[in-house]
Amino acid sequence: MSDIIEVKVPDIGDFDAVEVIEVLVQAGDTITEEQALITLESDKASMEIPSTHAGTIKEVFVNVGDNIAQGANILSLSVSADAETKTETPPEAKAKETTKTPPPPVETPEVKQQPAPVSPAPTKENTSETQAKGHIHASPSVRRFARELGVDVSKITKASGPKHRILKEDVKQFVKQALSSTSAKSGSGIPAIPTVDFSKFGEIEERPLGRIKKLTAIHLTRSWLNVPMVTHHDVADVTEMENFRQSLKAEAEKRGVKVTFLAFIMKALVAALKIYPEFNASLSSDGSSLILKKYFHIGIAVDTPNGLVVPVFRDVDEKNIFDLAEEMAVVSSKAREGKLSPKEMQGACMTISSLGGIGGTAFTPIVNAPEVAILGVTRSDMQPKWNGKEFEPRLMLPLDLTYDHRVIDGAAAAKFMATLSGFLHDIRHILL
């Protein structure tokens, strides 16, 4: 005896509809529990949706290019009648994360220099029947991609997808054509890095970039081209903070957690953000106003085998050191295993990039736009400091604040860092 059940789209975060970019199964397939069924693509990442049951697929209800939301039927499945009953909608955490494949980063900076949407004249060769009729067929992700490049999709006359659907490749080809035309006339645009045949000089190996690294490249390029950044370097005396941290070891062991510098830095950062609200803000898209945030969510850059990801710790102001230490252990494990959902990487007010476990004395982190600042941390070091009578050993922590100069000026950055350093000097003032 077997029963027919329907497998539905689980909670996929704050999205009304997400495009199906891959259908991994078909009718007649025998699948296992947790086997990936489809791949969905948002503006943040792509995610594989797993099956809630094992069984044989009777019918698949979705196709590549469909836009679906939470609760939509994916397929019907014939399962054994005595199979364990469980909810059809798996928890969000079961959606396996892979990062969306973005376009080559070289093309984005070239287009960002264009003052107006790119509009080359159509040619007979690339005019499609659908476009001639005035219909524009493009998925939300393609339309979003075009907007990021400053392209009006109505001006794209080549649609190479099924049923004259505009693809990302069509957008990129449109941009290349426009850049070629514009550069020839005016010499404007960012020159592309020339292609070099490195095999002429010796043995080489070409290793494709993973999805996360590609996404990081395009995001950082976009931030670098749009945000005028300045980095302020400082050091904080964390001798007393380290003594306090050591005093918590016994309690931390009882709780089964490891308390690191990072938990203290998160609490100190939130305390500074409350005093300087312009750092806990984002510039509006038209640059005419500042959006001040009343919540305190902190992003932490995590290095994984697949690349850099930034999980977000929500309401840090409402959590104690042990809460944060426990959450960091769980989140770090999920990040390394590629199990973070898009929702878990959204909504940060400010990001911390820590190299303390690796080394270095200073660096210039890139602002994670639309945030207006990012805090870099490197390895603490014992240094001799003059106390007025003699030199004494003090544990000093290098800090690097990169900020959006459109929102924050140098004096504000210096004050912010002085305040942050003061909190780190004696963290008990904000914890007790």
Protein backbone atom coordinates (compact mmCIF):
# COMPACT_ATOMS: atom_id res chain seq x y z
CA MET A 1 0.00 0.00 0.00
CA SER A 2 1.23 3.45 -0.81
CA ASP A 3 0.03 6.99 -0.26
CA ILE A 4 0.34 10.02 -2.53
CA ILE A 5 1.71 13.14 -0.84
CA GLU A 6 2.66 16.55 -2.15
CA VAL A 7 6.07 18.08 -1.43
CA LYS A 8 5.89 21.85 -1.00
CA VAL A 9 8.32 24.78 -0.92
CA PRO A 10 9.52 25.40 2.67
CA ASP A 11 10.25 28.74 4.33
CA ILE A 12 12.75 30.44 1.98
CA GLY A 13 13.15 33.70 3.85
CA ASP A 14 11.83 37.13 3.02
CA PHE A 15 10.93 36.46 -0.62
CA ASP A 16 7.51 36.63 -2.29
CA ALA A 17 8.63 34.52 -5.23
CA VAL A 18 11.89 32.88 -6.24
CA GLU A 19 12.85 31.62 -9.68
CA VAL A 20 13.39 27.92 -10.37
CA ILE A 21 16.77 27.60 -12.12
CA GLU A 22 17.12 23.79 -11.99
CA VAL A 23 14.76 20.82 -11.81
CA LEU A 24 16.88 17.92 -10.55
CA VAL A 25 14.31 15.10 -10.78
CA GLN A 26 11.55 13.87 -13.08
CA ALA A 27 8.43 11.75 -12.98
CA GLY A 28 9.24 8.09 -12.37
CA ASP A 29 12.41 8.75 -10.35
CA THR A 30 12.84 6.94 -7.05
CA ILE A 31 14.25 9.37 -4.51
CA THR A 32 15.49 9.31 -0.93
CA GLU A 33 14.61 11.55 1.97
CA GLU A 34 16.62 14.81 1.90
CA GLN A 35 17.47 14.35 -1.79
CA ALA A 36 17.61 17.68 -3.66
CA LEU A 37 14.58 18.24 -5.91
CA ILE A 38 14.95 21.74 -7.36
CA THR A 39 17.27 24.73 -7.13
CA LEU A 40 15.83 28.17 -6.42
CA GLU A 41 17.67 31.43 -7.07
CA SER A 42 17.18 34.68 -5.18
CA ASP A 43 19.22 37.89 -5.33
CA LYS A 44 21.31 36.61 -2.40
CA ALA A 45 21.94 32.97 -3.12
CA SER A 46 20.66 29.81 -4.67
CA MET A 47 19.31 26.98 -2.55
CA GLU A 48 18.47 23.34 -3.13
CA ILE A 49 15.11 22.23 -1.81
CA PRO A 50 15.25 18.67 -0.39
CA SER A 51 12.51 16.07 -0.29
CA THR A 52 10.69 15.47 2.98
CA HIS A 53 10.10 11.79 2.17
CA ALA A 54 11.50 8.89 0.24
CA GLY A 55 9.40 7.44 -2.57
CA THR A 56 8.62 7.45 -6.29
CA ILE A 57 7.78 10.68 -8.10
CA LYS A 58 4.36 10.66 -9.77
CA GLU A 59 4.29 14.17 -11.21
CA VAL A 60 6.50 17.29 -11.17
CA PHE A 61 4.55 20.57 -11.00
CA VAL A 62 7.34 23.12 -11.61
CA ASN A 63 9.55 23.99 -14.56
CA VAL A 64 12.75 25.97 -15.04
CA GLY A 65 11.88 29.67 -15.13
CA ASP A 66 8.82 29.39 -12.88
CA ASN A 67 8.54 31.80 -9.94
CA ILE A 68 7.31 30.06 -6.82
CA ALA A 69 6.82 30.98 -3.17
CA GLN A 70 6.57 29.23 0.19
CA GLY A 71 3.84 26.58 0.16
CA ALA A 72 3.83 26.01 -3.60
CA ASN A 73 3.57 22.38 -4.75
CA ILE A 74 6.81 20.98 -6.15
CA LEU A 75 5.78 17.42 -6.95
CA SER A 76 3.58 14.50 -5.94
CA LEU A 77 5.25 11.49 -4.38
CA SER A 78 4.17 7.91 -3.86
CA VAL A 79 5.35 6.80 -0.43
CA SER A 80 4.90 3.69 1.63
CA ALA A 81 1.75 3.80 3.75
CA ASP A 82 3.69 2.83 6.87
CA ALA A 83 6.31 5.51 6.33
CA GLU A 84 6.86 7.84 9.24
CA THR A 85 4.49 10.80 9.10
CA LYS A 86 6.17 14.16 9.11
CA THR A 87 5.40 17.68 8.07
CA GLU A 88 5.64 18.38 4.40
CA THR A 89 7.39 21.62 4.95
CA PRO A 90 10.91 21.04 6.30
CA PRO A 91 12.58 23.57 8.54
CA GLU A 92 14.41 26.37 6.90
CA ALA A 93 17.75 25.01 7.98
CA LYS A 94 17.36 22.00 5.70
CA ALA A 95 17.65 24.05 2.56
CA LYS A 96 21.21 23.47 1.41
CA GLU A 97 22.96 26.72 0.53
CA THR A 98 25.04 27.41 -2.49
CA THR A 99 25.76 30.87 -3.64
CA LYS A 100 24.23 32.29 -6.76
CA THR A 101 26.47 32.43 -9.80
CA PRO A 102 26.90 36.08 -10.69
CA PRO A 103 28.14 37.53 -13.95
CA PRO A 104 31.89 38.01 -14.49
CA PRO A 105 33.01 40.87 -12.21
CA VAL A 106 34.90 42.59 -15.01
CA GLU A 107 31.71 43.57 -16.74
CA THR A 108 30.05 45.22 -13.77
CA PRO A 109 32.67 47.93 -13.09
CA GLU A 110 32.73 48.79 -16.76
CA VAL A 111 29.03 49.56 -16.84
CA LYS A 112 28.90 51.34 -13.50
CA GLN A 113 30.80 54.21 -15.09
CA GLN A 114 28.05 54.89 -17.56
CA PRO A 115 26.07 58.00 -16.57
CA ALA A 116 22.85 56.79 -18.11
CA PRO A 117 21.28 53.45 -19.11
CA VAL A 118 23.05 51.93 -22.07
CA SER A 119 21.04 52.04 -25.28
CA PRO A 120 22.75 50.93 -28.49
CA ALA A 121 20.76 51.01 -31.66
CA PRO A 122 19.07 47.72 -32.59
CA THR A 123 20.23 45.80 -35.60
CA LYS A 124 18.47 43.46 -37.94
CA GLU A 125 20.56 40.58 -36.71
CA ASN A 126 19.50 40.79 -33.10
CA THR A 127 15.88 41.84 -33.33
CA SER A 128 13.60 39.07 -32.09
CA GLU A 129 10.02 38.48 -33.07
CA THR A 130 8.82 38.95 -29.50
CA GLN A 131 10.57 42.25 -29.06
CA ALA A 132 9.19 43.48 -32.33
CA LYS A 133 5.72 42.91 -30.93
CA GLY A 134 6.58 45.02 -27.86
CA HIS A 135 6.54 42.15 -25.31
CA ILE A 136 9.37 41.80 -22.81
CA HIS A 137 9.92 38.35 -21.33
CA ALA A 138 12.51 38.28 -18.54
CA SER A 139 12.64 36.72 -15.10
CA PRO A 140 12.84 38.90 -11.96
CA SER A 141 16.48 37.92 -11.44
CA VAL A 142 17.37 38.96 -15.00
CA ARG A 143 15.51 42.25 -14.61
CA ARG A 144 17.34 42.86 -11.30
CA PHE A 145 20.67 42.05 -12.99
CA ALA A 146 19.89 44.52 -15.77
CA ARG A 147 19.00 47.27 -13.28
CA GLU A 148 22.30 46.73 -11.45
CA LEU A 149 24.12 47.30 -14.72
CA GLY A 150 22.04 50.34 -15.62
CA VAL A 151 20.34 48.63 -18.55
CA ASP A 152 16.75 49.18 -19.65
CA VAL A 153 15.47 45.71 -20.60
CA SER A 154 13.08 47.26 -23.09
CA LYS A 155 16.12 48.28 -25.16
CA ILE A 156 17.46 44.73 -25.38
CA THR A 157 16.52 43.43 -28.79
CA LYS A 158 18.14 40.01 -28.62
CA ALA A 159 16.31 37.36 -26.60
CA SER A 160 17.99 33.97 -26.94
CA GLY A 161 15.96 32.09 -24.33
CA PRO A 162 12.96 29.82 -24.94
CA LYS A 163 9.92 31.69 -26.27
CA HIS A 164 12.06 34.80 -26.81
CA ARG A 165 12.96 35.07 -23.12
CA ILE A 166 15.76 37.52 -22.23
CA LEU A 167 18.64 35.76 -20.47
CA LYS A 168 21.56 37.14 -18.46
CA GLU A 169 23.80 36.34 -21.42
CA ASP A 170 21.67 38.67 -23.56
CA VAL A 171 22.11 41.46 -21.01
CA LYS A 172 25.87 40.95 -20.93
CA GLN A 173 26.09 40.91 -24.72
CA PHE A 174 24.06 44.12 -24.84
CA VAL A 175 26.46 45.75 -22.39
CA LYS A 176 29.53 44.61 -24.32
CA GLN A 177 28.11 46.06 -27.51
CA ALA A 178 27.29 49.34 -25.80
CA LEU A 179 30.73 49.63 -24.20
CA SER A 180 32.45 48.90 -27.47
CA SER A 181 30.43 51.58 -29.21
CA THR A 182 30.83 54.16 -26.42
CA SER A 183 34.55 53.60 -25.94
CA ALA A 184 35.20 53.91 -29.64
CA LYS A 185 33.45 57.28 -29.72
CA SER A 186 34.55 58.92 -26.48
CA GLY A 187 37.18 56.70 -24.88
CA SER A 188 35.10 56.48 -21.67
CA GLY A 189 34.61 53.44 -19.47
CA ILE A 190 37.03 51.40 -17.37
CA PRO A 191 39.53 49.58 -19.58
CA ALA A 192 39.30 45.83 -19.30
CA ILE A 193 42.29 43.84 -18.09
CA PRO A 194 43.82 42.25 -21.21
CA THR A 195 43.59 38.51 -21.71
CA VAL A 196 46.98 36.81 -21.36
CA ASP A 197 47.95 33.33 -22.47
CA PHE A 198 49.99 32.34 -19.41
CA SER A 199 50.76 28.91 -20.86
CA LYS A 200 53.36 30.62 -23.04
CA PHE A 201 55.48 31.16 -19.95
CA GLY A 202 55.21 27.75 -18.33
CA GLU A 203 52.90 25.08 -16.98
CA ILE A 204 49.58 26.31 -15.62
CA GLU A 205 46.43 24.93 -14.02
CA GLU A 206 43.05 26.60 -14.46
CA ARG A 207 40.81 26.21 -11.43
CA PRO A 208 37.21 27.53 -11.71
CA LEU A 209 36.01 29.84 -8.94
CA GLY A 210 33.22 28.55 -6.74
CA ARG A 211 29.83 30.21 -6.59
CA ILE A 212 30.51 31.96 -3.29
CA LYS A 213 33.79 33.44 -4.54
CA LYS A 214 32.08 34.67 -7.70
CA LEU A 215 29.31 36.31 -5.69
CA THR A 216 31.85 37.91 -3.35
CA ALA A 217 33.79 39.27 -6.31
CA ILE A 218 30.80 40.97 -7.91
CA HIS A 219 29.52 42.35 -4.59
CA LEU A 220 32.89 43.79 -3.55
CA THR A 221 33.46 45.27 -7.00
CA ARG A 222 30.07 46.96 -6.84
CA SER A 223 30.81 48.35 -3.36
CA TRP A 224 34.30 49.51 -4.35
CA LEU A 225 33.01 51.42 -7.38
CA ASN A 226 30.05 53.03 -5.64
CA VAL A 227 31.31 53.84 -2.14
CA PRO A 228 34.10 56.41 -1.45
CA MET A 229 35.93 54.58 1.34
CA VAL A 230 38.40 55.72 3.97
CA THR A 231 40.06 53.49 6.58
CA HIS A 232 40.89 54.68 10.10
CA HIS A 233 43.43 52.61 12.06
CA ASP A 234 43.60 52.48 15.86
CA VAL A 235 44.61 50.20 18.75
CA ALA A 236 42.70 49.31 21.91
CA ASP A 237 44.19 48.33 25.25
CA VAL A 238 42.39 45.06 26.01
CA THR A 239 44.49 43.92 28.96
CA GLU A 240 41.64 44.17 31.44
CA MET A 241 39.19 42.64 28.97
CA GLU A 242 41.46 39.62 28.57
CA ASN A 243 41.74 39.25 32.34
CA PHE A 244 37.95 39.36 32.59
CA ARG A 245 37.62 36.81 29.76
CA GLN A 246 39.99 34.45 31.54
CA SER A 247 37.89 34.77 34.72
CA LEU A 248 34.88 33.46 32.77
CA LYS A 249 36.57 30.24 31.62
CA ALA A 250 35.16 28.07 34.42
CA GLU A 251 31.59 29.27 33.80
CA ALA A 252 32.04 28.89 30.04
CA GLU A 253 33.18 25.29 30.44
CA LYS A 254 30.10 24.52 32.53
CA ARG A 255 27.95 25.89 29.72
CA GLY A 256 29.93 24.01 27.09
CA VAL A 257 30.97 27.15 25.18
CA LYS A 258 34.20 28.95 24.33
CA VAL A 259 34.25 32.69 25.01
CA THR A 260 36.44 34.56 22.51
CA PHE A 261 37.37 38.19 21.93
CA LEU A 262 34.76 38.38 19.20
CA ALA A 263 31.80 38.18 21.59
CA PHE A 264 33.17 41.12 23.59
CA ILE A 265 33.86 43.12 20.42
CA MET A 266 30.26 42.60 19.27
CA LYS A 267 28.91 43.95 22.56
CA ALA A 268 31.32 46.92 22.52
CA LEU A 269 30.43 47.68 18.90
CA VAL A 270 26.70 47.79 19.67
CA ALA A 271 27.35 50.12 22.61
CA ALA A 272 29.26 52.47 20.28
CA LEU A 273 26.52 52.29 17.61
CA LYS A 274 23.98 53.48 20.17
CA ILE A 275 26.08 56.60 20.81
CA TYR A 276 26.79 57.26 17.12
CA PRO A 277 23.58 56.34 15.24
CA GLU A 278 24.93 57.53 11.87
CA PHE A 279 27.10 54.38 11.89
CA ASN A 280 23.99 52.23 12.37
CA ALA A 281 22.44 53.47 9.16
CA SER A 282 22.25 53.16 5.38
CA LEU A 283 22.17 55.80 2.68
CA SER A 284 18.97 55.85 0.62
CA SER A 285 19.30 54.63 -2.97
CA ASP A 286 18.97 58.19 -4.31
CA GLY A 287 21.49 59.51 -1.78
CA SER A 288 19.08 62.11 -0.40
CA SER A 289 18.48 60.74 3.09
CA LEU A 290 19.96 58.56 5.83
CA ILE A 291 17.99 55.55 7.06
CA LEU A 292 18.67 55.16 10.80
CA LYS A 293 18.13 51.67 12.20
CA LYS A 294 16.69 51.08 15.65
CA TYR A 295 17.85 47.46 15.80
CA PHE A 296 21.34 46.07 16.29
CA HIS A 297 22.19 43.14 14.02
CA ILE A 298 25.89 42.41 13.53
CA GLY A 299 27.37 40.50 10.57
CA ILE A 300 30.46 38.37 11.14
CA ALA A 301 32.62 37.44 8.14
CA VAL A 302 33.35 33.70 8.26
CA ASP A 303 36.00 32.01 6.14
CA THR A 304 34.76 28.70 4.74
CA PRO A 305 36.27 26.15 2.30
CA ASN A 306 33.92 27.54 -0.37
CA GLY A 307 34.66 31.22 0.29
CA LEU A 308 33.65 34.09 2.54
CA VAL A 309 30.11 34.26 3.97
CA VAL A 310 28.60 36.75 6.42
CA PRO A 311 26.01 35.30 8.83
CA VAL A 312 24.04 37.88 10.81
CA PHE A 313 23.61 37.82 14.60
CA ARG A 314 20.32 39.52 15.46
CA ASP A 315 19.56 41.70 18.46
CA VAL A 316 23.07 41.55 19.86
CA ASP A 317 22.12 44.21 22.41
CA GLU A 318 19.67 41.75 24.02
CA LYS A 319 22.15 38.85 24.38
CA ASN A 320 24.88 38.22 26.93
CA ILE A 321 28.42 37.00 26.28
CA PHE A 322 27.54 33.34 26.80
CA ASP A 323 24.51 33.59 24.48
CA LEU A 324 26.72 35.03 21.73
CA ALA A 325 29.44 32.43 22.29
CA GLU A 326 26.92 29.61 21.95
CA GLU A 327 25.33 31.13 18.86
CA MET A 328 28.72 31.68 17.20
CA ALA A 329 29.62 28.02 17.61
CA VAL A 330 26.37 26.91 15.95
CA VAL A 331 26.49 29.48 13.16
CA SER A 332 30.16 28.87 12.37
CA SER A 333 29.47 25.16 11.98
CA LYS A 334 26.53 25.81 9.64
CA ALA A 335 28.62 28.24 7.59
CA ARG A 336 31.45 25.74 7.08
CA GLU A 337 28.95 23.06 6.07
CA GLY A 338 27.19 25.39 3.61
CA LYS A 339 23.88 25.20 5.46
CA LEU A 340 23.21 28.89 6.06
CA SER A 341 19.91 30.08 4.60
CA PRO A 342 19.55 33.43 2.78
CA LYS A 343 17.51 34.73 5.72
CA GLU A 344 20.47 34.10 8.06
CA MET A 345 22.69 36.38 5.95
CA GLN A 346 20.35 39.37 5.71
CA GLY A 347 19.74 42.51 7.74
CA ALA A 348 23.17 43.37 9.20
CA CYS A 349 23.70 46.90 10.54
CA MET A 350 27.48 46.61 10.49
CA THR A 351 29.99 43.84 9.77
CA ILE A 352 33.06 42.65 11.68
CA SER A 353 35.91 41.05 9.74
CA SER A 354 38.33 39.39 12.15
CA LEU A 355 41.77 38.06 11.22
CA GLY A 356 42.80 37.68 14.84
CA GLY A 357 43.18 33.94 14.59
CA ILE A 358 45.48 34.26 11.58
CA GLY A 359 47.69 37.30 12.12
CA GLY A 360 48.55 40.70 10.74
CA THR A 361 48.79 44.17 12.22
CA ALA A 362 46.33 46.10 10.02
CA PHE A 363 44.27 45.87 6.83
CA THR A 364 41.61 47.82 4.91
CA PRO A 365 38.32 45.89 4.83
CA ILE A 366 35.79 46.87 2.14
CA VAL A 367 32.45 48.27 3.31
CA ASN A 368 29.66 45.75 2.90
CA ALA A 369 27.22 48.15 1.20
CA PRO A 370 24.51 49.25 1.88
CA GLU A 371 26.11 49.32 5.34
CA VAL A 372 28.16 52.47 5.92
CA ALA A 373 31.06 50.99 7.88
CA ILE A 374 32.94 47.78 8.60
CA LEU A 375 35.24 46.94 11.51
CA GLY A 376 38.45 44.99 10.89
CA VAL A 377 40.28 43.20 13.70
CA THR A 378 43.75 41.64 13.67
CA ARG A 379 45.83 39.75 16.23
CA SER A 380 46.39 41.27 19.68
CA ASP A 381 49.97 41.76 20.80
CA MET A 382 51.71 42.46 24.08
CA GLN A 383 53.46 45.85 23.88
CA PRO A 384 55.37 48.10 26.32
CA LYS A 385 53.32 51.17 27.25
CA TRP A 386 54.49 54.17 29.27
CA ASN A 387 52.27 54.77 32.32
CA GLY A 388 53.96 58.03 33.34
CA LYS A 389 56.60 56.41 35.50
CA GLU A 390 57.67 53.27 33.69
CA PHE A 391 56.94 50.94 30.82
CA GLU A 392 54.53 48.13 31.55
CA PRO A 393 53.29 45.27 29.33
CA ARG A 394 49.82 45.84 27.88
CA LEU A 395 47.78 43.69 25.49
CA MET A 396 46.96 45.84 22.46
CA LEU A 397 44.33 45.00 19.84
CA PRO A 398 44.63 46.57 16.33
CA LEU A 399 41.33 47.89 14.91
CA ASP A 400 40.55 49.08 11.38
CA LEU A 401 37.39 51.02 10.57
CA THR A 402 36.53 51.51 6.89
CA TYR A 403 33.64 53.91 6.36
CA ASP A 404 31.50 55.50 3.63
CA HIS A 405 32.80 59.08 3.41
CA ARG A 406 29.47 60.27 2.00
CA VAL A 407 27.90 59.58 5.40
CA ILE A 408 30.78 59.68 7.88
CA ASP A 409 33.62 62.19 8.07
CA GLY A 410 37.06 61.65 9.54
CA ALA A 411 36.35 63.35 12.85
CA ALA A 412 33.27 61.18 13.46
CA ALA A 413 35.25 58.04 12.62
CA ALA A 414 38.01 59.01 15.07
CA LYS A 415 35.48 59.67 17.85
CA PHE A 416 33.71 56.40 17.15
CA MET A 417 36.97 54.45 17.38
CA ALA A 418 38.00 56.24 20.56
CA THR A 419 34.66 55.31 22.14
CA LEU A 420 34.91 51.71 20.93
CA SER A 421 38.46 51.42 22.26
CA GLY A 422 37.31 52.79 25.61
CA PHE A 423 34.60 50.13 25.87
CA LEU A 424 37.09 47.40 24.99
CA HIS A 425 39.55 48.75 27.56
CA ASP A 426 37.12 47.81 30.33
CA ILE A 427 34.27 45.82 28.88
CA ARG A 428 32.64 45.45 32.30
CA HIS A 429 31.22 48.98 32.03
CA ILE A 430 28.77 47.83 29.35
CA LEU A 431 28.20 44.27 30.57
CA LEU A 432 27.36 44.87 34.21
